[in-house]
Amino acid sequence: MDSLTQIVLGAAVGEAVLGRKVGNKAMLYGAIAGTIPDLDTFVGNFFDTITAIEIHRGFSHSIVFAVLFAPVFGWIISKIESKSEANWKNWSWLMFWGLFTHPLLDAHTTWGTQLFWPFELRLAYKNIFVIDPLYTLPFLVFLIMAMRLKRTDPRRKKYNQIGLIVSSIYLLVITLALKFYTFQKFENSLEEQNITYERMDTRPTPLNSILWTANIETENAFLIGNYSVFDTQPIEFYSVPKNYDLAANLKDDPNLKRLMQISEGWYTFSSKNGNLHFNDLRFGNLDIEDPDSEFIFSYELAKEHGELTATETEKEMTDAKKLLPRLWARILGN
């Protein structure tokens, strides 16, 4: 999830664990714990693109990381807050839950997380977009209400609990129910249109849980369709050719195989200005209403010193500005 959401979650968890003893400092250190796992993006800057992708949401988003580093961070905080009522064990417990709930939340996004690192098992339930105001804003409001009260005020604990409950109901009940409902809609539509397919993957579109996208794999192409719970017209699917032949001479390249594994098989190739591009389909394209728009995650492939490299295609701010109005219109139904 985005940084603000992880800060809010970490702060709320910190308050739940230690707010009664240390007040707003529990929120402060909980917020810090909630941001620490995402420092892997900074570490990734020292590696090539493919390795950076593999690192992201890996070790730092695992149970192992939380168990190993919570006592370390707890000890550091206990030295900083030596006059506090909380001891090393208290701070370590707070840090553990702050570090652990971060990947638990990320597991619900499209990218997912390697919670059980070092095992190569990425959890990705794909029932919430990385930025979802309906999850974050109510959570933030209750957190601010709690923050403004004294640590001994019983309403403080109540407000924080309400925020945790509301956000959890949205994440674990509403979005999962919508994923199941929309999946059935896509499945029924494919059956009605007599479309034979190998597998299907669904996810919410940016900033909401009303409009959903489905990737459907067929023999030679991927079909992509969108469905809003407000739709009244049948679902339309458009085809994206796999174009695997474009990379036939690279099929045994180890770096290309790494990209294929990262994308979980949801990829295509395309040629632009004579350059070969690897497109990760899991995150959609830049314009939900334009099948020919570029994919959000696209990598230009090239050989450098005999080794295959991948360079992420840069996106312009104008791309996002075009996306939002079309997205909003599509959310309201076809």
C-alpha atoms as a PDB file:
ATOM      1  CA  MET A   1       0.000   0.000   0.000  1.00  0.00           C
ATOM      2  CA  ASP A   2       0.999   3.652  -0.258  1.00  0.00           C
ATOM      3  CA  SER A   3       3.167   5.268   2.422  1.00  0.00           C
ATOM      4  CA  LEU A   4       0.343   7.260   4.050  1.00  0.00           C
ATOM      5  CA  THR A   5      -1.775   4.149   4.517  1.00  0.00           C
ATOM      6  CA  GLN A   6       1.113   2.201   6.034  1.00  0.00           C
ATOM      7  CA  ILE A   7       1.868   5.099   8.379  1.00  0.00           C
ATOM      8  CA  VAL A   8      -1.767   5.211   9.525  1.00  0.00           C
ATOM      9  CA  LEU A   9      -1.882   1.439  10.036  1.00  0.00           C
ATOM     10  CA  GLY A  10       1.444   1.432  11.901  1.00  0.00           C
ATOM     11  CA  ALA A  11       0.359   4.307  14.128  1.00  0.00           C
ATOM     12  CA  ALA A  12      -2.971   2.631  14.942  1.00  0.00           C
ATOM     13  CA  VAL A  13      -1.230  -0.651  15.746  1.00  0.00           C
ATOM     14  CA  GLY A  14       1.300   1.194  17.926  1.00  0.00           C
ATOM     15  CA  GLU A  15      -1.543   2.856  19.799  1.00  0.00           C
ATOM     16  CA  ALA A  16      -3.300  -0.478  20.298  1.00  0.00           C
ATOM     17  CA  VAL A  17      -0.134  -2.084  21.684  1.00  0.00           C
ATOM     18  CA  LEU A  18       1.338   0.667  23.856  1.00  0.00           C
ATOM     19  CA  GLY A  19      -0.826   3.790  23.715  1.00  0.00           C
ATOM     20  CA  ARG A  20      -2.030   3.439  27.293  1.00  0.00           C
ATOM     21  CA  LYS A  21       1.558   3.628  28.591  1.00  0.00           C
ATOM     22  CA  VAL A  22       3.289   6.135  26.316  1.00  0.00           C
ATOM     23  CA  GLY A  23       0.528   8.063  24.545  1.00  0.00           C
ATOM     24  CA  ASN A  24       1.275   9.570  21.155  1.00  0.00           C
ATOM     25  CA  LYS A  25       4.814   8.197  21.156  1.00  0.00           C
ATOM     26  CA  ALA A  26       3.248   4.783  20.520  1.00  0.00           C
ATOM     27  CA  MET A  27       1.690   6.208  17.354  1.00  0.00           C
ATOM     28  CA  LEU A  28       4.979   7.829  16.361  1.00  0.00           C
ATOM     29  CA  TYR A  29       7.053   4.673  16.651  1.00  0.00           C
ATOM     30  CA  GLY A  30       4.263   2.573  15.199  1.00  0.00           C
ATOM     31  CA  ALA A  31       4.237   4.867  12.151  1.00  0.00           C
ATOM     32  CA  ILE A  32       8.008   4.478  11.830  1.00  0.00           C
ATOM     33  CA  ALA A  33       7.667   0.697  12.031  1.00  0.00           C
ATOM     34  CA  GLY A  34       5.007   0.855   9.350  1.00  0.00           C
ATOM     35  CA  THR A  35       7.380   2.563   6.930  1.00  0.00           C
ATOM     36  CA  ILE A  36      10.556   0.543   7.538  1.00  0.00           C
ATOM     37  CA  PRO A  37       9.731  -2.439   5.251  1.00  0.00           C
ATOM     38  CA  ASP A  38       9.399  -0.128   2.238  1.00  0.00           C
ATOM     39  CA  LEU A  39      13.014   0.976   2.581  1.00  0.00           C
ATOM     40  CA  ASP A  40      13.713  -1.914   0.224  1.00  0.00           C
ATOM     41  CA  THR A  41      12.853   0.495  -2.599  1.00  0.00           C
ATOM     42  CA  PHE A  42      15.851   2.602  -1.535  1.00  0.00           C
ATOM     43  CA  VAL A  43      18.074  -0.475  -1.434  1.00  0.00           C
ATOM     44  CA  GLY A  44      16.893  -1.363  -4.929  1.00  0.00           C
ATOM     45  CA  ASN A  45      18.525   1.800  -6.294  1.00  0.00           C
ATOM     46  CA  PHE A  46      21.905   0.104  -5.882  1.00  0.00           C
ATOM     47  CA  PHE A  47      20.952  -2.807  -8.133  1.00  0.00           C
ATOM     48  CA  ASP A  48      19.880  -3.390 -11.719  1.00  0.00           C
ATOM     49  CA  THR A  49      16.185  -3.115 -12.573  1.00  0.00           C
ATOM     50  CA  ILE A  50      15.394  -6.828 -12.495  1.00  0.00           C
ATOM     51  CA  THR A  51      17.133  -7.394  -9.152  1.00  0.00           C
ATOM     52  CA  ALA A  52      15.410  -4.302  -7.697  1.00  0.00           C
ATOM     53  CA  ILE A  53      12.030  -5.726  -8.701  1.00  0.00           C
ATOM     54  CA  GLU A  54      12.880  -9.030  -7.054  1.00  0.00           C
ATOM     55  CA  ILE A  55      14.025  -7.296  -3.856  1.00  0.00           C
ATOM     56  CA  HIS A  56      10.854  -5.227  -3.530  1.00  0.00           C
ATOM     57  CA  ARG A  57       8.486  -6.716  -0.960  1.00  0.00           C
ATOM     58  CA  GLY A  58      10.897  -9.564  -0.315  1.00  0.00           C
ATOM     59  CA  PHE A  59      12.963 -10.024   2.852  1.00  0.00           C
ATOM     60  CA  SER A  60      11.883  -6.749   4.478  1.00  0.00           C
ATOM     61  CA  HIS A  61       8.234  -7.814   4.093  1.00  0.00           C
ATOM     62  CA  SER A  62       8.643 -11.202   5.737  1.00  0.00           C
ATOM     63  CA  ILE A  63       7.883 -12.739   9.109  1.00  0.00           C
ATOM     64  CA  VAL A  64      11.615 -13.435   9.416  1.00  0.00           C
ATOM     65  CA  PHE A  65      12.423  -9.720   9.132  1.00  0.00           C
ATOM     66  CA  ALA A  66       9.839  -8.780  11.772  1.00  0.00           C
ATOM     67  CA  VAL A  67      11.077 -11.417  14.211  1.00  0.00           C
ATOM     68  CA  LEU A  68      14.777 -10.577  13.752  1.00  0.00           C
ATOM     69  CA  PHE A  69      14.608  -6.801  13.753  1.00  0.00           C
ATOM     70  CA  ALA A  70      11.790  -6.005  16.179  1.00  0.00           C
ATOM     71  CA  PRO A  71      14.055  -6.675  19.206  1.00  0.00           C
ATOM     72  CA  VAL A  72      16.837  -4.591  17.630  1.00  0.00           C
ATOM     73  CA  PHE A  73      14.585  -1.600  16.960  1.00  0.00           C
ATOM     74  CA  GLY A  74      12.936  -2.123  20.354  1.00  0.00           C
ATOM     75  CA  TRP A  75      16.307  -1.912  22.069  1.00  0.00           C
ATOM     76  CA  ILE A  76      17.205   1.287  20.210  1.00  0.00           C
ATOM     77  CA  ILE A  77      13.903   2.920  21.164  1.00  0.00           C
ATOM     78  CA  SER A  78      14.274   1.806  24.795  1.00  0.00           C
ATOM     79  CA  LYS A  79      17.587   3.678  24.927  1.00  0.00           C
ATOM     80  CA  ILE A  80      16.093   6.787  23.316  1.00  0.00           C
ATOM     81  CA  GLU A  81      13.020   6.660  25.585  1.00  0.00           C
ATOM     82  CA  SER A  82      14.875   5.555  28.717  1.00  0.00           C
ATOM     83  CA  LYS A  83      12.561   7.595  30.972  1.00  0.00           C
ATOM     84  CA  SER A  84       9.422   6.040  29.522  1.00  0.00           C
ATOM     85  CA  GLU A  85       7.182   3.618  31.388  1.00  0.00           C
ATOM     86  CA  ALA A  86       7.691   1.132  28.569  1.00  0.00           C
ATOM     87  CA  ASN A  87      10.643  -1.257  28.616  1.00  0.00           C
ATOM     88  CA  TRP A  88      12.618  -3.039  25.904  1.00  0.00           C
ATOM     89  CA  LYS A  89      10.093  -5.874  25.636  1.00  0.00           C
ATOM     90  CA  ASN A  90       7.209  -3.411  25.276  1.00  0.00           C
ATOM     91  CA  TRP A  91       8.928  -1.498  22.491  1.00  0.00           C
ATOM     92  CA  SER A  92       9.971  -4.732  20.764  1.00  0.00           C
ATOM     93  CA  TRP A  93       6.366  -5.950  20.800  1.00  0.00           C
ATOM     94  CA  LEU A  94       5.189  -2.664  19.301  1.00  0.00           C
ATOM     95  CA  MET A  95       7.833  -2.829  16.570  1.00  0.00           C
ATOM     96  CA  PHE A  96       7.006  -6.450  15.764  1.00  0.00           C
ATOM     97  CA  TRP A  97       3.351  -5.694  15.123  1.00  0.00           C
ATOM     98  CA  GLY A  98       4.206  -2.544  13.171  1.00  0.00           C
ATOM     99  CA  LEU A  99       6.631  -4.467  10.954  1.00  0.00           C
ATOM    100  CA  PHE A 100       4.363  -7.501  10.614  1.00  0.00           C
ATOM    101  CA  THR A 101       1.057  -5.780   9.786  1.00  0.00           C
ATOM    102  CA  HIS A 102       2.740  -3.890   6.941  1.00  0.00           C
ATOM    103  CA  PRO A 103       3.239  -7.005   4.743  1.00  0.00           C
ATOM    104  CA  LEU A 104      -0.095  -8.433   5.887  1.00  0.00           C
ATOM    105  CA  LEU A 105      -1.766  -5.417   4.291  1.00  0.00           C
ATOM    106  CA  ASP A 106       0.472  -5.509   1.208  1.00  0.00           C
ATOM    107  CA  ALA A 107      -0.537  -9.137   0.641  1.00  0.00           C
ATOM    108  CA  HIS A 108      -3.960  -7.881  -0.444  1.00  0.00           C
ATOM    109  CA  THR A 109      -2.543  -5.810  -3.319  1.00  0.00           C
ATOM    110  CA  THR A 110      -1.706  -6.866  -6.864  1.00  0.00           C
ATOM    111  CA  TRP A 111       2.054  -6.890  -6.260  1.00  0.00           C
ATOM    112  CA  GLY A 112       1.687  -8.990  -3.141  1.00  0.00           C
ATOM    113  CA  THR A 113       4.458  -9.810  -0.705  1.00  0.00           C
ATOM    114  CA  GLN A 114       6.867 -12.609   0.194  1.00  0.00           C
ATOM    115  CA  LEU A 115       5.584 -13.012   3.733  1.00  0.00           C
ATOM    116  CA  PHE A 116       7.185 -16.447   4.070  1.00  0.00           C
ATOM    117  CA  TRP A 117      10.612 -15.483   2.679  1.00  0.00           C
ATOM    118  CA  PRO A 118      12.978 -17.264   1.956  1.00  0.00           C
ATOM    119  CA  PHE A 119      10.363 -19.567   0.424  1.00  0.00           C
ATOM    120  CA  GLU A 120       9.420 -18.403  -3.075  1.00  0.00           C
ATOM    121  CA  LEU A 121       5.755 -17.918  -2.290  1.00  0.00           C
ATOM    122  CA  ARG A 122       4.272 -14.503  -3.021  1.00  0.00           C
ATOM    123  CA  LEU A 123       0.910 -13.791  -1.417  1.00  0.00           C
ATOM    124  CA  ALA A 124      -1.210 -11.529  -3.632  1.00  0.00           C
ATOM    125  CA  TYR A 125      -4.947 -11.612  -2.995  1.00  0.00           C
ATOM    126  CA  LYS A 126      -5.509  -8.657  -5.357  1.00  0.00           C
ATOM    127  CA  ASN A 127      -8.598  -7.295  -3.641  1.00  0.00           C
ATOM    128  CA  ILE A 128      -7.431  -3.706  -3.050  1.00  0.00           C
ATOM    129  CA  PHE A 129      -5.496  -1.142  -5.079  1.00  0.00           C
ATOM    130  CA  VAL A 130      -2.274   0.243  -3.561  1.00  0.00           C
ATOM    131  CA  ILE A 131      -4.027   3.590  -3.024  1.00  0.00           C
ATOM    132  CA  ASP A 132      -7.643   3.371  -1.901  1.00  0.00           C
ATOM    133  CA  PRO A 133      -9.159   6.427  -0.176  1.00  0.00           C
ATOM    134  CA  LEU A 134     -12.122   4.404   1.097  1.00  0.00           C
ATOM    135  CA  TYR A 135      -9.697   2.349   3.175  1.00  0.00           C
ATOM    136  CA  THR A 136      -7.324   5.088   4.297  1.00  0.00           C
ATOM    137  CA  LEU A 137      -9.423   8.201   4.975  1.00  0.00           C
ATOM    138  CA  PRO A 138     -11.907   6.807   7.557  1.00  0.00           C
ATOM    139  CA  PHE A 139      -8.970   5.071   9.248  1.00  0.00           C
ATOM    140  CA  LEU A 140      -7.052   8.372   9.361  1.00  0.00           C
ATOM    141  CA  VAL A 141     -10.017  10.312  10.777  1.00  0.00           C
ATOM    142  CA  PHE A 142     -10.435   7.973  13.750  1.00  0.00           C
ATOM    143  CA  LEU A 143      -6.681   7.969  14.355  1.00  0.00           C
ATOM    144  CA  ILE A 144      -6.601  11.778  14.502  1.00  0.00           C
ATOM    145  CA  MET A 145      -9.587  11.769  16.878  1.00  0.00           C
ATOM    146  CA  ALA A 146      -7.715   9.376  19.179  1.00  0.00           C
ATOM    147  CA  MET A 147      -4.477  11.332  18.910  1.00  0.00           C
ATOM    148  CA  ARG A 148      -6.108  14.507  20.254  1.00  0.00           C
ATOM    149  CA  LEU A 149      -7.088  12.865  23.546  1.00  0.00           C
ATOM    150  CA  LYS A 150      -5.010  12.158  26.670  1.00  0.00           C
ATOM    151  CA  ARG A 151      -3.575   8.651  26.862  1.00  0.00           C
ATOM    152  CA  THR A 152      -5.744   7.868  29.917  1.00  0.00           C
ATOM    153  CA  ASP A 153      -8.985   8.930  28.225  1.00  0.00           C
ATOM    154  CA  PRO A 154     -11.057   5.769  27.492  1.00  0.00           C
ATOM    155  CA  ARG A 155     -12.389   7.370  24.299  1.00  0.00           C
ATOM    156  CA  ARG A 156      -8.875   7.262  22.850  1.00  0.00           C
ATOM    157  CA  LYS A 157      -8.795   3.471  22.822  1.00  0.00           C
ATOM    158  CA  LYS A 158     -12.372   3.355  21.538  1.00  0.00           C
ATOM    159  CA  TYR A 159     -11.694   5.647  18.552  1.00  0.00           C
ATOM    160  CA  ASN A 160      -8.563   3.736  17.616  1.00  0.00           C
ATOM    161  CA  GLN A 161     -10.419   0.428  17.792  1.00  0.00           C
ATOM    162  CA  ILE A 162     -13.226   1.782  15.621  1.00  0.00           C
ATOM    163  CA  GLY A 163     -10.669   2.853  13.001  1.00  0.00           C
ATOM    164  CA  LEU A 164      -9.068  -0.600  13.004  1.00  0.00           C
ATOM    165  CA  ILE A 165     -12.463  -2.330  12.800  1.00  0.00           C
ATOM    166  CA  VAL A 166     -13.835  -0.122  10.003  1.00  0.00           C
ATOM    167  CA  SER A 167     -10.703  -0.481   7.893  1.00  0.00           C
ATOM    168  CA  SER A 168     -10.585  -4.241   8.472  1.00  0.00           C
ATOM    169  CA  ILE A 169     -14.243  -4.690   7.492  1.00  0.00           C
ATOM    170  CA  TYR A 170     -13.627  -2.775   4.275  1.00  0.00           C
ATOM    171  CA  LEU A 171     -10.483  -4.752   3.461  1.00  0.00           C
ATOM    172  CA  LEU A 172     -11.496  -8.252   4.560  1.00  0.00           C
ATOM    173  CA  VAL A 173     -15.237  -8.229   3.909  1.00  0.00           C
ATOM    174  CA  ILE A 174     -16.311  -5.603   1.388  1.00  0.00           C
ATOM    175  CA  THR A 175     -13.430  -5.762  -1.109  1.00  0.00           C
ATOM    176  CA  LEU A 176     -13.236  -9.568  -0.965  1.00  0.00           C
ATOM    177  CA  ALA A 177     -16.996  -9.798  -1.513  1.00  0.00           C
ATOM    178  CA  LEU A 178     -16.709  -7.429  -4.479  1.00  0.00           C
ATOM    179  CA  LYS A 179     -13.833  -9.485  -5.900  1.00  0.00           C
ATOM    180  CA  PHE A 180     -15.924 -12.667  -5.690  1.00  0.00           C
ATOM    181  CA  TYR A 181     -18.987 -10.928  -7.179  1.00  0.00           C
ATOM    182  CA  THR A 182     -17.111  -9.364 -10.099  1.00  0.00           C
ATOM    183  CA  PHE A 183     -15.177 -12.580 -10.764  1.00  0.00           C
ATOM    184  CA  GLN A 184     -18.509 -14.342 -11.256  1.00  0.00           C
ATOM    185  CA  LYS A 185     -19.597 -11.590 -13.633  1.00  0.00           C
ATOM    186  CA  PHE A 186     -16.465 -12.029 -15.754  1.00  0.00           C
ATOM    187  CA  GLU A 187     -16.794 -15.802 -15.668  1.00  0.00           C
ATOM    188  CA  ASN A 188     -20.440 -15.712 -16.745  1.00  0.00           C
ATOM    189  CA  SER A 189     -19.696 -13.219 -19.516  1.00  0.00           C
ATOM    190  CA  LEU A 190     -16.938 -15.426 -20.936  1.00  0.00           C
ATOM    191  CA  GLU A 191     -19.298 -18.380 -20.912  1.00  0.00           C
ATOM    192  CA  GLU A 192     -22.073 -16.409 -22.613  1.00  0.00           C
ATOM    193  CA  GLN A 193     -19.650 -15.287 -25.335  1.00  0.00           C
ATOM    194  CA  ASN A 194     -18.351 -18.858 -25.798  1.00  0.00           C
ATOM    195  CA  ILE A 195     -14.784 -17.814 -25.031  1.00  0.00           C
ATOM    196  CA  THR A 196     -12.420 -20.637 -24.165  1.00  0.00           C
ATOM    197  CA  TYR A 197      -9.608 -19.624 -21.846  1.00  0.00           C
ATOM    198  CA  GLU A 198      -6.830 -21.116 -19.757  1.00  0.00           C
ATOM    199  CA  ARG A 199      -6.911 -18.898 -16.639  1.00  0.00           C
ATOM    200  CA  MET A 200      -8.275 -15.608 -15.348  1.00  0.00           C
ATOM    201  CA  ASP A 201      -6.984 -12.995 -12.910  1.00  0.00           C
ATOM    202  CA  THR A 202      -8.987 -10.047 -11.537  1.00  0.00           C
ATOM    203  CA  ARG A 203      -8.035  -6.893  -9.647  1.00  0.00           C
ATOM    204  CA  PRO A 204      -9.543  -3.498  -8.728  1.00  0.00           C
ATOM    205  CA  THR A 205      -8.651  -0.479 -10.848  1.00  0.00           C
ATOM    206  CA  PRO A 206      -6.856   2.555  -9.345  1.00  0.00           C
ATOM    207  CA  LEU A 207      -8.289   4.362  -6.315  1.00  0.00           C
ATOM    208  CA  ASN A 208     -11.477   2.300  -5.936  1.00  0.00           C
ATOM    209  CA  SER A 209     -13.085  -1.097  -5.467  1.00  0.00           C
ATOM    210  CA  ILE A 210     -16.083  -0.493  -7.747  1.00  0.00           C
ATOM    211  CA  LEU A 211     -14.457  -0.970 -11.150  1.00  0.00           C
ATOM    212  CA  TRP A 212     -12.564  -4.222 -11.745  1.00  0.00           C
ATOM    213  CA  THR A 213     -10.308  -5.489 -14.509  1.00  0.00           C
ATOM    214  CA  ALA A 214      -9.829  -9.072 -15.650  1.00  0.00           C
ATOM    215  CA  ASN A 215      -6.873 -10.569 -17.512  1.00  0.00           C
ATOM    216  CA  ILE A 216      -7.821 -13.739 -19.369  1.00  0.00           C
ATOM    217  CA  GLU A 217      -5.222 -15.969 -20.998  1.00  0.00           C
ATOM    218  CA  THR A 218      -6.028 -17.766 -24.249  1.00  0.00           C
ATOM    219  CA  GLU A 219      -3.708 -19.722 -26.510  1.00  0.00           C
ATOM    220  CA  ASN A 220      -2.210 -16.843 -28.502  1.00  0.00           C
ATOM    221  CA  ALA A 221      -3.402 -13.711 -26.721  1.00  0.00           C
ATOM    222  CA  PHE A 222      -4.622 -12.172 -23.502  1.00  0.00           C
ATOM    223  CA  LEU A 223      -8.130 -10.776 -23.242  1.00  0.00           C
ATOM    224  CA  ILE A 224      -8.727  -7.770 -21.010  1.00  0.00           C
ATOM    225  CA  GLY A 225     -12.128  -6.646 -19.797  1.00  0.00           C
ATOM    226  CA  ASN A 226     -13.507  -4.117 -17.317  1.00  0.00           C
ATOM    227  CA  TYR A 227     -16.603  -4.335 -15.161  1.00  0.00           C
ATOM    228  CA  SER A 228     -18.163  -1.780 -12.815  1.00  0.00           C
ATOM    229  CA  VAL A 229     -20.836  -2.801 -10.317  1.00  0.00           C
ATOM    230  CA  PHE A 230     -22.897  -0.013 -11.913  1.00  0.00           C
ATOM    231  CA  ASP A 231     -22.622  -1.486 -15.426  1.00  0.00           C
ATOM    232  CA  THR A 232     -25.799  -2.222 -17.375  1.00  0.00           C
ATOM    233  CA  GLN A 233     -24.223  -3.373 -20.645  1.00  0.00           C
ATOM    234  CA  PRO A 234     -22.417  -6.675 -21.377  1.00  0.00           C
ATOM    235  CA  ILE A 235     -18.689  -6.869 -20.683  1.00  0.00           C
ATOM    236  CA  GLU A 236     -16.504  -6.252 -23.717  1.00  0.00           C
ATOM    237  CA  PHE A 237     -13.112  -7.921 -23.990  1.00  0.00           C
ATOM    238  CA  TYR A 238     -10.253  -6.701 -26.146  1.00  0.00           C
ATOM    239  CA  SER A 239      -7.342  -8.820 -27.251  1.00  0.00           C
ATOM    240  CA  VAL A 240      -3.640  -8.218 -26.656  1.00  0.00           C
ATOM    241  CA  PRO A 241      -1.381 -10.545 -28.676  1.00  0.00           C
ATOM    242  CA  LYS A 242       1.327 -12.349 -26.738  1.00  0.00           C
ATOM    243  CA  ASN A 243       3.929 -11.763 -29.479  1.00  0.00           C
ATOM    244  CA  TYR A 244       6.239 -14.350 -27.958  1.00  0.00           C
ATOM    245  CA  ASP A 245       7.884 -14.770 -31.352  1.00  0.00           C
ATOM    246  CA  LEU A 246       9.427 -11.290 -30.978  1.00  0.00           C
ATOM    247  CA  ALA A 247      11.681 -12.667 -28.237  1.00  0.00           C
ATOM    248  CA  ALA A 248      12.269 -16.121 -29.704  1.00  0.00           C
ATOM    249  CA  ASN A 249      16.029 -15.594 -29.757  1.00  0.00           C
ATOM    250  CA  LEU A 250      15.961 -14.734 -26.034  1.00  0.00           C
ATOM    251  CA  LYS A 251      13.794 -17.576 -24.764  1.00  0.00           C
ATOM    252  CA  ASP A 252      16.676 -19.225 -22.901  1.00  0.00           C
ATOM    253  CA  ASP A 253      18.099 -16.000 -21.453  1.00  0.00           C
ATOM    254  CA  PRO A 254      18.219 -16.218 -17.623  1.00  0.00           C
ATOM    255  CA  ASN A 255      17.299 -12.559 -17.120  1.00  0.00           C
ATOM    256  CA  LEU A 256      14.246 -12.884 -19.341  1.00  0.00           C
ATOM    257  CA  LYS A 257      13.198 -15.960 -17.382  1.00  0.00           C
ATOM    258  CA  ARG A 258      13.458 -13.893 -14.195  1.00  0.00           C
ATOM    259  CA  LEU A 259      11.093 -11.296 -15.652  1.00  0.00           C
ATOM    260  CA  MET A 260       8.684 -14.011 -16.722  1.00  0.00           C
ATOM    261  CA  GLN A 261       8.676 -15.427 -13.210  1.00  0.00           C
ATOM    262  CA  ILE A 262       8.154 -11.990 -11.656  1.00  0.00           C
ATOM    263  CA  SER A 263       5.122 -11.372 -13.895  1.00  0.00           C
ATOM    264  CA  GLU A 264       3.670 -14.788 -13.004  1.00  0.00           C
ATOM    265  CA  GLY A 265       3.250 -15.464 -16.715  1.00  0.00           C
ATOM    266  CA  TRP A 266       1.095 -12.375 -17.345  1.00  0.00           C
ATOM    267  CA  TYR A 267       3.286 -10.732 -19.971  1.00  0.00           C
ATOM    268  CA  THR A 268       3.486  -9.817 -23.626  1.00  0.00           C
ATOM    269  CA  PHE A 269       6.172  -8.464 -25.931  1.00  0.00           C
ATOM    270  CA  SER A 270       5.872  -5.449 -28.190  1.00  0.00           C
ATOM    271  CA  SER A 271       8.114  -3.487 -30.498  1.00  0.00           C
ATOM    272  CA  LYS A 272       8.403   0.294 -30.270  1.00  0.00           C
ATOM    273  CA  ASN A 273      10.767   2.360 -32.396  1.00  0.00           C
ATOM    274  CA  GLY A 274      12.632  -0.821 -33.213  1.00  0.00           C
ATOM    275  CA  ASN A 275      13.151  -1.697 -29.531  1.00  0.00           C
ATOM    276  CA  LEU A 276      11.801  -4.795 -27.800  1.00  0.00           C
ATOM    277  CA  HIS A 277       9.561  -4.245 -24.765  1.00  0.00           C
ATOM    278  CA  PHE A 278       8.449  -6.627 -22.030  1.00  0.00           C
ATOM    279  CA  ASN A 279       4.965  -5.698 -20.724  1.00  0.00           C
ATOM    280  CA  ASP A 280       3.755  -6.829 -17.300  1.00  0.00           C
ATOM    281  CA  LEU A 281      -0.041  -7.098 -17.646  1.00  0.00           C
ATOM    282  CA  ARG A 282      -0.843  -7.423 -13.950  1.00  0.00           C
ATOM    283  CA  PHE A 283      -1.109  -3.673 -13.397  1.00  0.00           C
ATOM    284  CA  GLY A 284      -3.054  -2.674 -16.511  1.00  0.00           C
ATOM    285  CA  ASN A 285      -2.454   0.132 -18.955  1.00  0.00           C
ATOM    286  CA  LEU A 286      -2.358   3.900 -18.656  1.00  0.00           C
ATOM    287  CA  ASP A 287      -5.797   4.538 -20.175  1.00  0.00           C
ATOM    288  CA  ILE A 288      -8.573   2.181 -19.221  1.00  0.00           C
ATOM    289  CA  GLU A 289     -10.660   3.288 -22.204  1.00  0.00           C
ATOM    290  CA  ASP A 290      -7.847   2.971 -24.767  1.00  0.00           C
ATOM    291  CA  PRO A 291      -6.695  -0.594 -25.504  1.00  0.00           C
ATOM    292  CA  ASP A 292      -3.682   0.764 -27.393  1.00  0.00           C
ATOM    293  CA  SER A 293      -2.305   2.794 -24.487  1.00  0.00           C
ATOM    294  CA  GLU A 294       0.983   1.743 -22.900  1.00  0.00           C
ATOM    295  CA  PHE A 295       1.092  -0.651 -19.978  1.00  0.00           C
ATOM    296  CA  ILE A 296       1.922   0.843 -16.588  1.00  0.00           C
ATOM    297  CA  PHE A 297       4.884  -1.490 -16.179  1.00  0.00           C
ATOM    298  CA  SER A 298       6.772  -1.884 -19.436  1.00  0.00           C
ATOM    299  CA  TYR A 299      10.495  -2.557 -19.760  1.00  0.00           C
ATOM    300  CA  GLU A 300      12.745  -1.947 -22.736  1.00  0.00           C
ATOM    301  CA  LEU A 301      15.019  -4.936 -23.284  1.00  0.00           C
ATOM    302  CA  ALA A 302      18.541  -4.564 -24.635  1.00  0.00           C
ATOM    303  CA  LYS A 303      21.854  -6.373 -24.655  1.00  0.00           C
ATOM    304  CA  GLU A 304      24.705  -4.653 -22.822  1.00  0.00           C
ATOM    305  CA  HIS A 305      28.104  -6.353 -22.717  1.00  0.00           C
ATOM    306  CA  GLY A 306      26.399  -9.593 -23.678  1.00  0.00           C
ATOM    307  CA  GLU A 307      23.850  -9.447 -20.832  1.00  0.00           C
ATOM    308  CA  LEU A 308      20.139  -8.745 -21.199  1.00  0.00           C
ATOM    309  CA  THR A 309      19.062  -5.594 -19.352  1.00  0.00           C
ATOM    310  CA  ALA A 310      15.628  -4.150 -18.639  1.00  0.00           C
ATOM    311  CA  THR A 311      14.896  -0.440 -18.373  1.00  0.00           C
ATOM    312  CA  GLU A 312      11.495   0.678 -17.112  1.00  0.00           C
ATOM    313  CA  THR A 313       9.652   2.939 -19.526  1.00  0.00           C
ATOM    314  CA  GLU A 314       9.265   6.401 -18.029  1.00  0.00           C
ATOM    315  CA  LYS A 315       5.746   7.755 -17.567  1.00  0.00           C
ATOM    316  CA  GLU A 316       4.691  11.375 -17.880  1.00  0.00           C
ATOM    317  CA  MET A 317       2.411  13.226 -15.447  1.00  0.00           C
ATOM    318  CA  THR A 318       0.123  13.967 -18.380  1.00  0.00           C
ATOM    319  CA  ASP A 319      -0.538  10.226 -18.611  1.00  0.00           C
ATOM    320  CA  ALA A 320      -2.040  10.205 -15.109  1.00  0.00           C
ATOM    321  CA  LYS A 321      -4.069  13.357 -15.796  1.00  0.00           C
ATOM    322  CA  LYS A 322      -5.662  11.655 -18.780  1.00  0.00           C
ATOM    323  CA  LEU A 323      -6.369   8.492 -16.813  1.00  0.00           C
ATOM    324  CA  LEU A 324      -8.308   9.954 -13.877  1.00  0.00           C
ATOM    325  CA  PRO A 325     -11.274  11.564 -15.731  1.00  0.00           C
ATOM    326  CA  ARG A 326     -11.746   8.467 -17.892  1.00  0.00           C
ATOM    327  CA  LEU A 327     -11.445   6.236 -14.853  1.00  0.00           C
ATOM    328  CA  TRP A 328     -14.103   8.165 -12.950  1.00  0.00           C
ATOM    329  CA  ALA A 329     -16.473   8.068 -15.913  1.00  0.00           C
ATOM    330  CA  ARG A 330     -15.976   4.322 -16.276  1.00  0.00           C
ATOM    331  CA  ILE A 331     -16.546   3.697 -12.553  1.00  0.00           C
ATOM    332  CA  LEU A 332     -20.044   5.160 -12.932  1.00  0.00           C
ATOM    333  CA  GLY A 333     -20.951   2.413 -15.413  1.00  0.00           C
ATOM    334  CA  ASN A 334     -21.164   1.779 -19.138  1.00  0.00           C
END
